[in-house]
Amino acid sequence: WLGFHAAVALATAFKPFYAAFWIVP
C-alpha cells in the first residue's frame, strides 16, 4: 500500500477531501 498512501497524501495536499481514500486501505 505504500504507493497508494503516497498518492493519497499528495492528493490531500491539493484538496482536503481526498483524505477519504484512506478508508480503502
PDB file of all heavy atoms in Angstrom:
ATOM      1  N   TRP A   1       0.799  -1.223   0.000  1.00  0.00           N
ATOM      2  CA  TRP A   1       0.000   0.000   0.000  1.00  0.00           C
ATOM      3  C   TRP A   1       0.834   1.278   0.000  1.00  0.00           C
ATOM      4  O   TRP A   1       0.264   2.379   0.013  1.00  0.00           O
ATOM      5  CB  TRP A   1      -0.910   0.006   1.226  1.00  0.00           C
ATOM      6  CG  TRP A   1      -2.014  -0.996   1.161  1.00  0.00           C
ATOM      7  CD1 TRP A   1      -2.003  -2.257   1.692  1.00  0.00           C
ATOM      8  CD2 TRP A   1      -3.295  -0.827   0.543  1.00  0.00           C
ATOM      9  NE1 TRP A   1      -3.191  -2.886   1.429  1.00  0.00           N
ATOM     10  CE2 TRP A   1      -4.011  -2.036   0.730  1.00  0.00           C
ATOM     11  CE3 TRP A   1      -3.903   0.218  -0.152  1.00  0.00           C
ATOM     12  CZ2 TRP A   1      -5.308  -2.221   0.262  1.00  0.00           C
ATOM     13  CZ3 TRP A   1      -5.194   0.039  -0.623  1.00  0.00           C
ATOM     14  CH2 TRP A   1      -5.881  -1.168  -0.423  1.00  0.00           C
ATOM     15  N   LEU A   2       2.158   1.197   0.003  1.00  0.00           N
ATOM     16  CA  LEU A   2       2.979   2.392   0.145  1.00  0.00           C
ATOM     17  C   LEU A   2       2.690   3.408  -0.954  1.00  0.00           C
ATOM     18  O   LEU A   2       2.512   4.607  -0.688  1.00  0.00           O
ATOM     19  CB  LEU A   2       4.465   2.020   0.135  1.00  0.00           C
ATOM     20  CG  LEU A   2       5.444   3.196   0.266  1.00  0.00           C
ATOM     21  CD1 LEU A   2       5.208   3.956   1.563  1.00  0.00           C
ATOM     22  CD2 LEU A   2       6.887   2.709   0.180  1.00  0.00           C
ATOM     23  N   GLY A   3       2.658   2.961  -2.211  1.00  0.00           N
ATOM     24  CA  GLY A   3       2.382   3.880  -3.309  1.00  0.00           C
ATOM     25  C   GLY A   3       1.016   4.523  -3.192  1.00  0.00           C
ATOM     26  O   GLY A   3       0.840   5.707  -3.502  1.00  0.00           O
ATOM     27  N   PHE A   4       0.030   3.757  -2.736  1.00  0.00           N
ATOM     28  CA  PHE A   4      -1.320   4.306  -2.555  1.00  0.00           C
ATOM     29  C   PHE A   4      -1.311   5.376  -1.469  1.00  0.00           C
ATOM     30  O   PHE A   4      -1.894   6.458  -1.640  1.00  0.00           O
ATOM     31  CB  PHE A   4      -2.282   3.177  -2.189  1.00  0.00           C
ATOM     32  CG  PHE A   4      -3.717   3.612  -2.062  1.00  0.00           C
ATOM     33  CD1 PHE A   4      -4.539   3.653  -3.170  1.00  0.00           C
ATOM     34  CD2 PHE A   4      -4.235   3.981  -0.832  1.00  0.00           C
ATOM     35  CE1 PHE A   4      -5.864   4.049  -3.056  1.00  0.00           C
ATOM     36  CE2 PHE A   4      -5.553   4.384  -0.699  1.00  0.00           C
ATOM     37  CZ  PHE A   4      -6.374   4.422  -1.820  1.00  0.00           C
ATOM     38  N   HIS A   5      -0.659   5.107  -0.336  1.00  0.00           N
ATOM     39  CA  HIS A   5      -0.586   6.105   0.746  1.00  0.00           C
ATOM     40  C   HIS A   5       0.079   7.389   0.243  1.00  0.00           C
ATOM     41  O   HIS A   5      -0.381   8.504   0.554  1.00  0.00           O
ATOM     42  CB  HIS A   5       0.207   5.541   1.925  1.00  0.00           C
ATOM     43  CG  HIS A   5      -0.522   4.498   2.703  1.00  0.00           C
ATOM     44  ND1 HIS A   5      -1.727   4.716   3.324  1.00  0.00           N
ATOM     45  CD2 HIS A   5      -0.201   3.196   2.966  1.00  0.00           C
ATOM     46  CE1 HIS A   5      -2.126   3.613   3.941  1.00  0.00           C
ATOM     47  NE2 HIS A   5      -1.212   2.673   3.737  1.00  0.00           N
ATOM     48  N   ALA A   6       1.160   7.244  -0.511  1.00  0.00           N
ATOM     49  CA  ALA A   6       1.862   8.429  -1.026  1.00  0.00           C
ATOM     50  C   ALA A   6       0.967   9.221  -1.972  1.00  0.00           C
ATOM     51  O   ALA A   6       0.930  10.461  -1.914  1.00  0.00           O
ATOM     52  CB  ALA A   6       3.146   8.009  -1.740  1.00  0.00           C
ATOM     53  N   ALA A   7       0.234   8.517  -2.851  1.00  0.00           N
ATOM     54  CA  ALA A   7      -0.646   9.201  -3.803  1.00  0.00           C
ATOM     55  C   ALA A   7      -1.770   9.932  -3.086  1.00  0.00           C
ATOM     56  O   ALA A   7      -2.098  11.081  -3.426  1.00  0.00           O
ATOM     57  CB  ALA A   7      -1.216   8.185  -4.802  1.00  0.00           C
ATOM     58  N   VAL A   8      -2.371   9.295  -2.079  1.00  0.00           N
ATOM     59  CA  VAL A   8      -3.467   9.935  -1.345  1.00  0.00           C
ATOM     60  C   VAL A   8      -2.959  11.129  -0.539  1.00  0.00           C
ATOM     61  O   VAL A   8      -3.627  12.172  -0.450  1.00  0.00           O
ATOM     62  CB  VAL A   8      -4.182   8.914  -0.440  1.00  0.00           C
ATOM     63  CG1 VAL A   8      -5.247   9.602   0.416  1.00  0.00           C
ATOM     64  CG2 VAL A   8      -4.829   7.823  -1.281  1.00  0.00           C
ATOM     65  N   ALA A   9      -1.762  11.008   0.039  1.00  0.00           N
ATOM     66  CA  ALA A   9      -1.194  12.129   0.791  1.00  0.00           C
ATOM     67  C   ALA A   9      -0.957  13.324  -0.123  1.00  0.00           C
ATOM     68  O   ALA A   9      -1.273  14.470   0.232  1.00  0.00           O
ATOM     69  CB  ALA A   9       0.114  11.698   1.467  1.00  0.00           C
ATOM     70  N   LEU A  10      -0.399  13.081  -1.322  1.00  0.00           N
ATOM     71  CA  LEU A  10      -0.186  14.174  -2.266  1.00  0.00           C
ATOM     72  C   LEU A  10      -1.509  14.785  -2.703  1.00  0.00           C
ATOM     73  O   LEU A  10      -1.654  16.020  -2.750  1.00  0.00           O
ATOM     74  CB  LEU A  10       0.584  13.650  -3.482  1.00  0.00           C
ATOM     75  CG  LEU A  10       0.816  14.652  -4.617  1.00  0.00           C
ATOM     76  CD1 LEU A  10       1.665  15.826  -4.145  1.00  0.00           C
ATOM     77  CD2 LEU A  10       1.461  13.961  -5.815  1.00  0.00           C
ATOM     78  N   ALA A  11      -2.485  13.937  -3.016  1.00  0.00           N
ATOM     79  CA  ALA A  11      -3.782  14.445  -3.453  1.00  0.00           C
ATOM     80  C   ALA A  11      -4.453  15.253  -2.353  1.00  0.00           C
ATOM     81  O   ALA A  11      -5.062  16.303  -2.615  1.00  0.00           O
ATOM     82  CB  ALA A  11      -4.676  13.281  -3.882  1.00  0.00           C
ATOM     83  N   THR A  12      -4.344  14.810  -1.101  1.00  0.00           N
ATOM     84  CA  THR A  12      -4.963  15.525   0.010  1.00  0.00           C
ATOM     85  C   THR A  12      -4.329  16.887   0.211  1.00  0.00           C
ATOM     86  O   THR A  12      -4.993  17.840   0.633  1.00  0.00           O
ATOM     87  CB  THR A  12      -4.852  14.688   1.300  1.00  0.00           C
ATOM     88  OG1 THR A  12      -5.456  13.405   1.077  1.00  0.00           O
ATOM     89  CG2 THR A  12      -5.547  15.364   2.464  1.00  0.00           C
ATOM     90  N   ALA A  13      -3.035  17.012  -0.101  1.00  0.00           N
ATOM     91  CA  ALA A  13      -2.380  18.322  -0.021  1.00  0.00           C
ATOM     92  C   ALA A  13      -2.974  19.291  -1.039  1.00  0.00           C
ATOM     93  O   ALA A  13      -2.953  20.507  -0.832  1.00  0.00           O
ATOM     94  CB  ALA A  13      -0.877  18.174  -0.248  1.00  0.00           C
ATOM     95  N   PHE A  14      -3.514  18.756  -2.136  1.00  0.00           N
ATOM     96  CA  PHE A  14      -4.154  19.594  -3.149  1.00  0.00           C
ATOM     97  C   PHE A  14      -5.613  19.892  -2.807  1.00  0.00           C
ATOM     98  O   PHE A  14      -6.085  21.008  -3.006  1.00  0.00           O
ATOM     99  CB  PHE A  14      -4.089  18.905  -4.518  1.00  0.00           C
ATOM    100  CG  PHE A  14      -2.830  19.162  -5.280  1.00  0.00           C
ATOM    101  CD1 PHE A  14      -1.634  18.562  -4.891  1.00  0.00           C
ATOM    102  CD2 PHE A  14      -2.814  19.998  -6.381  1.00  0.00           C
ATOM    103  CE1 PHE A  14      -0.456  18.792  -5.600  1.00  0.00           C
ATOM    104  CE2 PHE A  14      -1.648  20.242  -7.088  1.00  0.00           C
ATOM    105  CZ  PHE A  14      -0.467  19.632  -6.694  1.00  0.00           C
ATOM    106  N   LYS A  15      -6.326  18.870  -2.290  1.00  0.00           N
ATOM    107  CA  LYS A  15      -7.739  19.031  -1.952  1.00  0.00           C
ATOM    108  C   LYS A  15      -8.028  18.171  -0.727  1.00  0.00           C
ATOM    109  O   LYS A  15      -7.837  16.960  -0.767  1.00  0.00           O
ATOM    110  CB  LYS A  15      -8.638  18.605  -3.118  1.00  0.00           C
ATOM    111  CG  LYS A  15      -8.434  19.440  -4.381  1.00  0.00           C
ATOM    112  CD  LYS A  15      -9.342  18.959  -5.509  1.00  0.00           C
ATOM    113  CE  LYS A  15      -9.105  19.763  -6.780  1.00  0.00           C
ATOM    114  NZ  LYS A  15      -9.994  19.343  -7.896  1.00  0.00           N
ATOM    115  N   PRO A  16      -8.522  18.757   0.360  1.00  0.00           N
ATOM    116  CA  PRO A  16      -8.638  18.019   1.629  1.00  0.00           C
ATOM    117  C   PRO A  16      -9.486  16.758   1.548  1.00  0.00           C
ATOM    118  O   PRO A  16      -9.209  15.784   2.247  1.00  0.00           O
ATOM    119  CB  PRO A  16      -9.268  19.046   2.576  1.00  0.00           C
ATOM    120  CG  PRO A  16      -8.949  20.377   1.984  1.00  0.00           C
ATOM    121  CD  PRO A  16      -8.889  20.178   0.504  1.00  0.00           C
ATOM    122  N   PHE A  17     -10.514  16.748   0.698  1.00  0.00           N
ATOM    123  CA  PHE A  17     -11.453  15.626   0.731  1.00  0.00           C
ATOM    124  C   PHE A  17     -10.897  14.346   0.115  1.00  0.00           C
ATOM    125  O   PHE A  17     -11.524  13.293   0.232  1.00  0.00           O
ATOM    126  CB  PHE A  17     -12.765  16.024   0.050  1.00  0.00           C
ATOM    127  CG  PHE A  17     -13.529  17.069   0.823  1.00  0.00           C
ATOM    128  CD1 PHE A  17     -13.654  18.355   0.337  1.00  0.00           C
ATOM    129  CD2 PHE A  17     -14.074  16.751   2.051  1.00  0.00           C
ATOM    130  CE1 PHE A  17     -14.339  19.322   1.058  1.00  0.00           C
ATOM    131  CE2 PHE A  17     -14.764  17.708   2.789  1.00  0.00           C
ATOM    132  CZ  PHE A  17     -14.899  18.998   2.295  1.00  0.00           C
ATOM    133  N   TYR A  18      -9.723  14.414  -0.503  1.00  0.00           N
ATOM    134  CA  TYR A  18      -9.082  13.187  -0.959  1.00  0.00           C
ATOM    135  C   TYR A  18      -8.695  12.289   0.219  1.00  0.00           C
ATOM    136  O   TYR A  18      -8.439  11.096   0.034  1.00  0.00           O
ATOM    137  CB  TYR A  18      -7.828  13.503  -1.772  1.00  0.00           C
ATOM    138  CG  TYR A  18      -8.083  13.916  -3.197  1.00  0.00           C
ATOM    139  CD1 TYR A  18      -8.076  15.259  -3.563  1.00  0.00           C
ATOM    140  CD2 TYR A  18      -8.314  12.970  -4.181  1.00  0.00           C
ATOM    141  CE1 TYR A  18      -8.305  15.646  -4.868  1.00  0.00           C
ATOM    142  CE2 TYR A  18      -8.535  13.341  -5.496  1.00  0.00           C
ATOM    143  CZ  TYR A  18      -8.535  14.693  -5.836  1.00  0.00           C
ATOM    144  OH  TYR A  18      -8.773  15.069  -7.128  1.00  0.00           O
ATOM    145  N   ALA A  19      -8.643  12.851   1.420  1.00  0.00           N
ATOM    146  CA  ALA A  19      -8.309  12.050   2.598  1.00  0.00           C
ATOM    147  C   ALA A  19      -9.293  10.908   2.806  1.00  0.00           C
ATOM    148  O   ALA A  19      -8.957   9.903   3.458  1.00  0.00           O
ATOM    149  CB  ALA A  19      -8.275  12.940   3.844  1.00  0.00           C
ATOM    150  N   ALA A  20     -10.497  11.028   2.242  1.00  0.00           N
ATOM    151  CA  ALA A  20     -11.481   9.953   2.371  1.00  0.00           C
ATOM    152  C   ALA A  20     -10.972   8.642   1.776  1.00  0.00           C
ATOM    153  O   ALA A  20     -11.439   7.560   2.158  1.00  0.00           O
ATOM    154  CB  ALA A  20     -12.793  10.357   1.693  1.00  0.00           C
ATOM    155  N   PHE A  21      -9.998   8.702   0.867  1.00  0.00           N
ATOM    156  CA  PHE A  21      -9.495   7.485   0.240  1.00  0.00           C
ATOM    157  C   PHE A  21      -8.713   6.604   1.207  1.00  0.00           C
ATOM    158  O   PHE A  21      -8.441   5.442   0.887  1.00  0.00           O
ATOM    159  CB  PHE A  21      -8.628   7.828  -0.981  1.00  0.00           C
ATOM    160  CG  PHE A  21      -9.430   8.042  -2.226  1.00  0.00           C
ATOM    161  CD1 PHE A  21      -9.873   9.306  -2.570  1.00  0.00           C
ATOM    162  CD2 PHE A  21      -9.764   6.975  -3.048  1.00  0.00           C
ATOM    163  CE1 PHE A  21     -10.637   9.506  -3.707  1.00  0.00           C
ATOM    164  CE2 PHE A  21     -10.522   7.164  -4.187  1.00  0.00           C
ATOM    165  CZ  PHE A  21     -10.958   8.437  -4.521  1.00  0.00           C
ATOM    166  N   TRP A  22      -8.362   7.117   2.385  1.00  0.00           N
ATOM    167  CA  TRP A  22      -7.696   6.244   3.353  1.00  0.00           C
ATOM    168  C   TRP A  22      -8.654   5.194   3.914  1.00  0.00           C
ATOM    169  O   TRP A  22      -8.221   4.246   4.572  1.00  0.00           O
ATOM    170  CB  TRP A  22      -7.056   7.062   4.463  1.00  0.00           C
ATOM    171  CG  TRP A  22      -5.644   7.411   4.133  1.00  0.00           C
ATOM    172  CD1 TRP A  22      -4.615   6.535   3.883  1.00  0.00           C
ATOM    173  CD2 TRP A  22      -5.081   8.715   3.984  1.00  0.00           C
ATOM    174  NE1 TRP A  22      -3.450   7.215   3.593  1.00  0.00           N
ATOM    175  CE2 TRP A  22      -3.706   8.558   3.647  1.00  0.00           C
ATOM    176  CE3 TRP A  22      -5.584  10.004   4.112  1.00  0.00           C
ATOM    177  CZ2 TRP A  22      -2.847   9.631   3.447  1.00  0.00           C
ATOM    178  CZ3 TRP A  22      -4.739  11.079   3.911  1.00  0.00           C
ATOM    179  CH2 TRP A  22      -3.385  10.896   3.580  1.00  0.00           C
ATOM    180  N   ILE A  23      -9.936   5.336   3.627  1.00  0.00           N
ATOM    181  CA  ILE A  23     -10.874   4.296   4.029  1.00  0.00           C
ATOM    182  C   ILE A  23     -10.603   2.997   3.272  1.00  0.00           C
ATOM    183  O   ILE A  23     -10.926   1.905   3.748  1.00  0.00           O
ATOM    184  CB  ILE A  23     -12.335   4.774   3.808  1.00  0.00           C
ATOM    185  CG1 ILE A  23     -13.294   3.924   4.619  1.00  0.00           C
ATOM    186  CG2 ILE A  23     -12.714   4.730   2.338  1.00  0.00           C
ATOM    187  CD1 ILE A  23     -14.722   4.432   4.579  1.00  0.00           C
ATOM    188  N   VAL A  24      -9.975   3.094   2.094  1.00  0.00           N
ATOM    189  CA  VAL A  24      -9.719   1.900   1.279  1.00  0.00           C
ATOM    190  C   VAL A  24      -8.697   0.983   1.942  1.00  0.00           C
ATOM    191  O   VAL A  24      -8.985  -0.199   2.197  1.00  0.00           O
ATOM    192  CB  VAL A  24      -9.297   2.286  -0.150  1.00  0.00           C
ATOM    193  CG1 VAL A  24      -9.081   1.029  -0.997  1.00  0.00           C
ATOM    194  CG2 VAL A  24     -10.350   3.178  -0.807  1.00  0.00           C
ATOM    195  N   PRO A  25      -7.478   1.433   2.276  1.00  0.00           N
ATOM    196  CA  PRO A  25      -6.534   0.522   2.950  1.00  0.00           C
ATOM    197  C   PRO A  25      -6.991   0.117   4.347  1.00  0.00           C
ATOM    198  O   PRO A  25      -6.667  -0.987   4.811  1.00  0.00           O
ATOM    199  CB  PRO A  25      -5.227   1.316   2.996  1.00  0.00           C
ATOM    200  CG  PRO A  25      -5.633   2.740   2.869  1.00  0.00           C
ATOM    201  CD  PRO A  25      -6.847   2.746   1.995  1.00  0.00           C
TER     202      PRO A  25
END
